[in-house]
Amino acid sequence: MNKNVCEVCKKVRAKKLIKIVDNNQLQVIQVCEKDYINLKHPENTSNTNLFSSNQESEFLINLYDSNVAFSDHKLTTININETLSEETKLIIQDSARIAIELNHNEIRLEHVLYSLVDNRQIKDVLEKFNVKPNDIKEHIEIFAPRGNNSYSKIDEINLEFSENLKTIFENAYEITRESGSKYIEPIYLFICIAQKKSLASDILKTFNSDFIEQVNKFIAKDAILAKQLKLTTLAQLDKIKLCAKTKLNIDIIFDNSVVDYLMEVDLLPKLDITEIDEKIKERIEYVLVKEVLQGYVNRNDIIIINFDRSTHEIVFAKKTTNISKT
């Protein structure tokens, strides 16, 4: 199911999450504004999307500046709609669905973890430890206690964030700020959930007593690498990994420590480091990732130069000093 599309008309972007009872069967569906009105009386049409522009979608997060005493903290208001990345918003919205299916009136860490494990980057992390997303989901389904909330008619769902989840948002925002990123990405939530004592982290520990520590180290290496490469988000590091999987015969123009790291985690084969002076750089053609992966350029003639700051893409170049437009 497309997480963005109304489940009734299957055309328009979904805006509301509702429970319906059909033939004595309880269902949770997401619908657009028009179909919501068709399902419920027109006079009851207040917005329930978790990320509406209404003030209800905002909450206070205490952010403590490391330069001031803990007791003299600054209180900062964070608008979730502006802070979460689009991908993270979808995950939280999907977490709401899980919460409702478990009859809970708030979104908890286990609900978010359930949705997070379907994220591609987090799947890659789990794979390193031979953990499958479905294994985590099954544990959550078994150990997460069901609530007592029930609905006997069509109802609009109003969920709150649990206090633990608010803390996770706070911690994830700190990581986001420290890394220089603009938005809270799914991987930041995963790191914080793994570290927070809760049912969610306990479930992760069932797979390996050192699982959380190992995952944190693994992700920390990516964070360090991203910082070395001056990336805006860890998600952009995936583009290097994607490129590496194409087995390009390439030279990497980064410092030795970065290249050593890439080889250490088997992202790249052994490579020679080539220095390119500024004059040569000016005479080579820039090629974006998608053009390389789509085969517009001979892969044996490609080198990675750096990252384009305006598009946040990896910048490739041909191994030639002659510029020819493709």
Protein backbone atom coordinates (compact mmCIF):
# COMPACT_ATOMS: atom_id res chain seq x y z
CA MET A 1 0.00 0.00 0.00
CA ASN A 2 1.21 3.49 -0.88
CA LYS A 3 1.54 5.29 2.44
CA ASN A 4 0.58 8.61 0.85
CA VAL A 5 -2.59 7.64 -1.02
CA CYS A 6 -6.20 7.57 0.16
CA GLU A 7 -7.36 3.98 0.59
CA VAL A 8 -10.85 4.81 -0.68
CA CYS A 9 -10.32 6.71 -3.94
CA LYS A 10 -6.71 5.48 -4.34
CA LYS A 11 -5.85 8.71 -6.16
CA VAL A 12 -5.56 11.63 -3.75
CA ARG A 13 -3.00 12.13 -0.98
CA ALA A 14 -4.33 10.81 2.35
CA LYS A 15 -4.87 13.42 5.04
CA LYS A 16 -6.63 11.59 7.86
CA LEU A 17 -6.33 8.34 9.76
CA ILE A 18 -9.65 6.82 10.87
CA LYS A 19 -11.14 3.67 12.35
CA ILE A 20 -14.22 2.16 10.75
CA VAL A 21 -16.36 -0.83 11.62
CA ASP A 22 -17.48 -2.72 8.52
CA ASN A 23 -19.48 -5.94 8.91
CA ASN A 24 -18.39 -6.07 12.55
CA GLN A 25 -14.74 -5.92 11.45
CA LEU A 26 -12.59 -3.09 12.82
CA GLN A 27 -10.34 -1.49 10.20
CA VAL A 28 -7.86 1.38 10.28
CA ILE A 29 -7.64 3.29 7.03
CA GLN A 30 -6.18 6.55 5.77
CA VAL A 31 -8.36 8.77 3.63
CA CYS A 32 -8.36 12.08 1.77
CA GLU A 33 -10.45 15.05 2.89
CA LYS A 34 -13.27 14.33 0.44
CA ASP A 35 -13.69 10.68 1.40
CA TYR A 36 -13.41 11.56 5.07
CA ILE A 37 -16.42 13.85 4.68
CA ASN A 38 -18.29 11.06 2.90
CA LEU A 39 -17.57 8.70 5.80
CA LYS A 40 -18.33 11.11 8.60
CA HIS A 41 -20.79 13.97 9.15
CA PRO A 42 -19.54 17.15 7.44
CA GLU A 43 -19.71 19.17 10.63
CA ASN A 44 -17.05 17.00 12.28
CA THR A 45 -14.09 17.67 10.00
CA SER A 46 -11.26 18.81 12.25
CA ASN A 47 -7.82 17.89 10.93
CA THR A 48 -6.23 14.74 12.37
CA ASN A 49 -3.10 14.49 10.27
CA LEU A 50 -0.20 14.30 12.71
CA PHE A 51 1.68 16.91 10.73
CA SER A 52 -0.96 19.55 10.10
CA SER A 53 -0.04 23.20 10.40
CA ASN A 54 -2.28 23.49 13.47
CA GLN A 55 -0.71 24.27 16.82
CA GLU A 56 -1.76 20.82 18.04
CA SER A 57 1.06 19.36 15.92
CA GLU A 58 3.67 21.32 17.87
CA PHE A 59 5.12 20.54 21.27
CA LEU A 60 7.86 21.86 23.49
CA ILE A 61 11.26 20.21 23.61
CA ASN A 62 13.84 21.21 26.19
CA LEU A 63 17.20 21.69 24.52
CA TYR A 64 20.15 22.13 26.84
CA ASP A 65 23.09 24.12 25.56
CA SER A 66 26.32 22.42 26.63
CA ASN A 67 27.81 25.83 27.39
CA VAL A 68 25.34 26.61 30.18
CA ALA A 69 24.47 24.89 33.44
CA PHE A 70 21.77 22.22 33.31
CA SER A 71 19.59 24.18 35.70
CA ASP A 72 19.87 27.26 33.49
CA HIS A 73 18.56 25.62 30.34
CA LYS A 74 16.95 27.34 27.38
CA LEU A 75 13.47 26.25 26.35
CA THR A 76 13.04 25.89 22.60
CA THR A 77 9.81 25.25 20.70
CA ILE A 78 10.16 22.82 17.82
CA ASN A 79 7.55 22.56 15.10
CA ILE A 80 7.53 18.86 14.21
CA ASN A 81 6.21 19.70 10.76
CA GLU A 82 9.40 21.67 10.07
CA THR A 83 11.88 19.42 11.89
CA LEU A 84 11.17 15.89 10.66
CA SER A 85 12.26 14.87 7.17
CA GLU A 86 9.49 13.78 4.81
CA GLU A 87 10.60 10.16 5.18
CA THR A 88 10.51 10.42 8.97
CA LYS A 89 7.02 11.93 8.85
CA LEU A 90 5.79 8.92 6.88
CA ILE A 91 7.34 6.61 9.46
CA ILE A 92 5.66 8.43 12.35
CA GLN A 93 2.37 8.43 10.47
CA ASP A 94 2.73 4.68 9.93
CA SER A 95 3.59 4.31 13.62
CA ALA A 96 0.20 5.84 14.38
CA ARG A 97 -1.40 3.02 12.42
CA ILE A 98 0.47 0.45 14.53
CA ALA A 99 -0.59 2.23 17.73
CA ILE A 100 -4.23 2.10 16.68
CA GLU A 101 -4.05 -1.55 15.72
CA LEU A 102 -2.74 -2.24 19.23
CA ASN A 103 -5.61 -0.17 20.71
CA HIS A 104 -3.26 2.45 22.15
CA ASN A 105 -4.10 6.13 22.50
CA GLU A 106 -0.51 7.33 22.08
CA ILE A 107 2.42 6.63 19.76
CA ARG A 108 5.14 4.74 21.64
CA LEU A 109 8.71 3.75 20.88
CA GLU A 110 7.81 0.19 19.91
CA HIS A 111 5.35 1.53 17.32
CA VAL A 112 8.06 3.72 15.80
CA LEU A 113 10.58 0.87 15.85
CA TYR A 114 8.05 -1.35 14.05
CA SER A 115 7.86 1.18 11.22
CA LEU A 116 11.56 2.10 11.26
CA VAL A 117 12.79 -1.40 10.42
CA ASP A 118 11.30 -1.09 6.93
CA ASN A 119 13.59 1.86 6.18
CA ARG A 120 16.27 0.88 3.64
CA GLN A 121 19.19 2.36 5.58
CA ILE A 122 18.11 0.67 8.81
CA LYS A 123 17.59 -2.62 6.98
CA ASP A 124 21.23 -2.40 5.89
CA VAL A 125 22.32 -1.89 9.50
CA LEU A 126 20.24 -4.83 10.74
CA GLU A 127 21.61 -7.02 7.97
CA LYS A 128 25.12 -6.53 9.34
CA PHE A 129 23.95 -8.30 12.50
CA ASN A 130 21.87 -10.98 10.75
CA VAL A 131 18.64 -9.49 12.07
CA LYS A 132 15.58 -9.42 9.82
CA PRO A 133 12.95 -6.66 10.08
CA ASN A 134 10.19 -9.26 10.41
CA ASP A 135 11.95 -10.77 13.45
CA ILE A 136 11.73 -7.44 15.26
CA LYS A 137 8.11 -6.96 14.17
CA GLU A 138 7.13 -10.38 15.49
CA HIS A 139 8.70 -9.61 18.87
CA ILE A 140 6.81 -6.32 19.08
CA GLU A 141 3.54 -8.05 18.22
CA ILE A 142 4.17 -10.62 20.96
CA PHE A 143 5.49 -8.39 23.75
CA ALA A 144 3.70 -5.07 23.21
CA PRO A 145 0.60 -5.20 25.47
CA ARG A 146 -2.68 -4.34 23.78
CA GLY A 147 -4.62 -1.37 25.09
CA ASN A 148 -8.29 -1.13 26.06
CA ASN A 149 -9.38 1.58 23.63
CA SER A 150 -12.23 0.60 21.34
CA TYR A 151 -14.46 2.32 18.81
CA SER A 152 -18.00 1.28 17.95
CA LYS A 153 -18.50 3.64 15.01
CA ILE A 154 -16.55 5.66 12.50
CA ASP A 155 -14.11 7.74 14.49
CA GLU A 156 -11.42 10.23 13.71
CA ILE A 157 -8.21 9.26 15.47
CA ASN A 158 -6.47 11.70 17.79
CA LEU A 159 -3.18 10.34 19.08
CA GLU A 160 -0.55 11.90 21.29
CA PHE A 161 3.19 11.28 21.39
CA SER A 162 4.25 9.35 24.48
CA GLU A 163 6.64 11.10 26.87
CA ASN A 164 9.38 8.64 25.87
CA LEU A 165 8.86 9.49 22.21
CA LYS A 166 9.08 13.21 22.97
CA THR A 167 12.42 12.49 24.65
CA ILE A 168 13.52 10.59 21.54
CA PHE A 169 12.60 13.56 19.36
CA GLU A 170 14.64 15.77 21.69
CA ASN A 171 17.68 13.48 21.55
CA ALA A 172 17.38 13.01 17.79
CA TYR A 173 17.17 16.76 17.34
CA GLU A 174 20.40 17.14 19.30
CA ILE A 175 22.12 14.65 16.98
CA THR A 176 20.68 16.47 13.98
CA ARG A 177 21.97 19.81 15.23
CA GLU A 178 25.43 18.44 16.08
CA SER A 179 25.78 16.77 12.68
CA GLY A 180 24.81 19.95 10.87
CA SER A 181 21.72 18.33 9.35
CA LYS A 182 18.51 20.26 8.82
CA TYR A 183 15.99 17.47 9.44
CA ILE A 184 15.61 14.50 11.77
CA GLU A 185 16.22 11.44 9.58
CA PRO A 186 14.96 7.90 10.39
CA ILE A 187 18.45 6.70 11.30
CA TYR A 188 18.67 9.32 14.08
CA LEU A 189 15.44 8.05 15.62
CA PHE A 190 16.76 4.50 15.44
CA ILE A 191 19.98 5.43 17.25
CA CYS A 192 18.06 7.19 20.02
CA ILE A 193 15.48 4.42 20.42
CA ALA A 194 18.26 1.84 20.67
CA GLN A 195 19.87 3.85 23.49
CA LYS A 196 16.70 4.62 25.46
CA LYS A 197 15.71 2.09 28.13
CA SER A 198 12.31 0.87 26.96
CA LEU A 199 10.40 -2.09 25.58
CA ALA A 200 11.76 -1.22 22.13
CA SER A 201 15.42 -1.36 23.19
CA ASP A 202 14.77 -4.50 25.25
CA ILE A 203 13.43 -6.17 22.12
CA LEU A 204 16.58 -5.21 20.22
CA LYS A 205 18.68 -6.71 23.01
CA THR A 206 16.94 -10.08 22.64
CA PHE A 207 18.81 -10.60 19.39
CA ASN A 208 22.23 -9.87 20.88
CA SER A 209 23.14 -8.61 24.34
CA ASP A 210 25.69 -6.26 22.74
CA PHE A 211 23.43 -5.43 19.81
CA ILE A 212 22.81 -1.80 20.75
CA GLU A 213 26.48 -1.07 21.45
CA GLN A 214 27.55 -2.69 18.18
CA VAL A 215 24.91 -0.89 16.15
CA ASN A 216 25.86 2.44 17.72
CA LYS A 217 29.51 1.87 16.80
CA PHE A 218 28.55 0.90 13.28
CA ILE A 219 26.36 3.97 12.81
CA ALA A 220 28.90 6.21 14.53
CA LYS A 221 31.45 5.27 11.87
CA ASP A 222 29.01 6.39 9.21
CA ALA A 223 28.41 9.62 11.11
CA ILE A 224 32.15 10.30 11.33
CA LEU A 225 32.58 9.54 7.64
CA ALA A 226 29.68 11.80 6.70
CA LYS A 227 31.24 14.60 8.72
CA GLN A 228 34.60 14.08 7.02
CA LEU A 229 32.91 14.28 3.64
CA LYS A 230 31.00 17.40 4.74
CA LEU A 231 27.67 15.74 3.97
CA THR A 232 24.45 17.43 5.04
CA THR A 233 22.83 14.15 6.12
CA LEU A 234 23.77 10.54 6.62
CA ALA A 235 21.30 9.70 3.86
CA GLN A 236 23.71 11.22 1.36
CA LEU A 237 26.34 8.71 2.43
CA ASP A 238 24.09 6.05 0.92
CA LYS A 239 24.91 7.49 -2.48
CA ILE A 240 28.54 6.49 -2.04
CA LYS A 241 27.42 3.01 -1.02
CA LEU A 242 25.08 2.79 -3.99
CA CYS A 243 27.88 3.80 -6.31
CA ALA A 244 30.20 1.24 -4.71
CA LYS A 245 27.70 -1.55 -5.36
CA THR A 246 27.99 -0.87 -9.11
CA LYS A 247 31.64 -2.03 -8.91
CA LEU A 248 32.98 0.97 -10.79
CA ASN A 249 36.67 1.01 -11.62
CA ILE A 250 37.28 4.34 -9.92
CA ASP A 251 39.80 6.47 -8.11
CA ILE A 252 38.50 8.27 -5.02
CA ILE A 253 39.62 11.80 -4.39
CA PHE A 254 39.32 11.91 -0.62
CA ASP A 255 41.88 11.74 2.17
CA ASN A 256 43.39 8.35 3.00
CA SER A 257 41.47 7.84 6.24
CA VAL A 258 38.12 8.04 4.44
CA VAL A 259 39.19 5.65 1.70
CA ASP A 260 40.60 3.25 4.31
CA TYR A 261 37.26 3.30 6.09
CA LEU A 262 35.32 2.60 2.89
CA MET A 263 37.52 -0.41 2.19
CA GLU A 264 37.36 -1.57 5.81
CA VAL A 265 33.58 -1.96 5.68
CA ASP A 266 33.77 -3.53 2.19
CA LEU A 267 32.09 -0.62 0.46
CA LEU A 268 34.87 -0.26 -2.09
CA PRO A 269 37.57 -2.47 -3.61
CA LYS A 270 41.21 -1.56 -3.09
CA LEU A 271 41.85 1.69 -4.92
CA ASP A 272 44.67 4.00 -5.85
CA ILE A 273 44.42 7.56 -4.61
CA THR A 274 44.83 10.05 -7.45
CA GLU A 275 45.57 13.71 -6.90
CA ILE A 276 43.87 16.06 -9.33
CA ASP A 277 45.07 19.62 -9.48
CA GLU A 278 42.62 22.51 -9.78
CA LYS A 279 43.47 23.23 -13.44
CA ILE A 280 42.65 19.65 -14.44
CA LYS A 281 39.47 19.81 -12.39
CA GLU A 282 38.36 22.80 -14.43
CA ARG A 283 38.72 20.83 -17.68
CA ILE A 284 36.80 17.70 -16.71
CA GLU A 285 33.13 17.04 -17.15
CA TYR A 286 30.89 16.66 -14.11
CA VAL A 287 28.53 13.72 -14.20
CA LEU A 288 25.78 13.16 -11.62
CA VAL A 289 25.08 9.83 -9.96
CA LYS A 290 21.96 9.04 -11.95
CA GLU A 291 23.79 9.49 -15.25
CA VAL A 292 26.46 7.00 -14.23
CA LEU A 293 24.00 4.45 -12.90
CA GLN A 294 21.82 4.76 -16.01
CA GLY A 295 24.78 3.93 -18.22
CA TYR A 296 25.17 7.26 -20.02
CA VAL A 297 28.87 7.21 -19.24
CA ASN A 298 31.44 4.41 -19.58
CA ARG A 299 31.95 3.23 -16.01
CA ASN A 300 35.61 2.45 -16.57
CA ASP A 301 36.24 6.11 -17.31
CA ILE A 302 34.74 7.50 -14.11
CA ILE A 303 36.38 8.96 -11.02
CA ILE A 304 34.71 10.52 -7.99
CA ILE A 305 35.78 14.10 -7.36
CA ASN A 306 33.65 15.42 -4.50
CA PHE A 307 30.10 16.37 -3.60
CA ASP A 308 28.18 19.09 -5.39
CA ARG A 309 27.13 21.45 -2.59
CA SER A 310 24.12 22.85 -4.44
CA THR A 311 22.50 19.53 -5.42
CA HIS A 312 24.00 17.33 -2.68
CA GLU A 313 24.90 14.77 -5.34
CA ILE A 314 28.19 12.92 -5.72
CA VAL A 315 30.23 14.63 -8.44
CA PHE A 316 31.85 12.29 -10.94
CA ALA A 317 34.30 13.12 -13.71
CA LYS A 318 35.60 11.40 -16.80
CA LYS A 319 39.24 10.30 -16.84
CA THR A 320 39.98 12.78 -19.59
CA THR A 321 40.99 16.39 -19.95
CA ASN A 322 38.78 16.84 -23.01
CA ILE A 323 35.29 18.06 -22.29
CA SER A 324 32.63 16.42 -24.45
CA LYS A 325 28.97 16.90 -23.69
CA THR A 326 26.87 13.72 -23.36
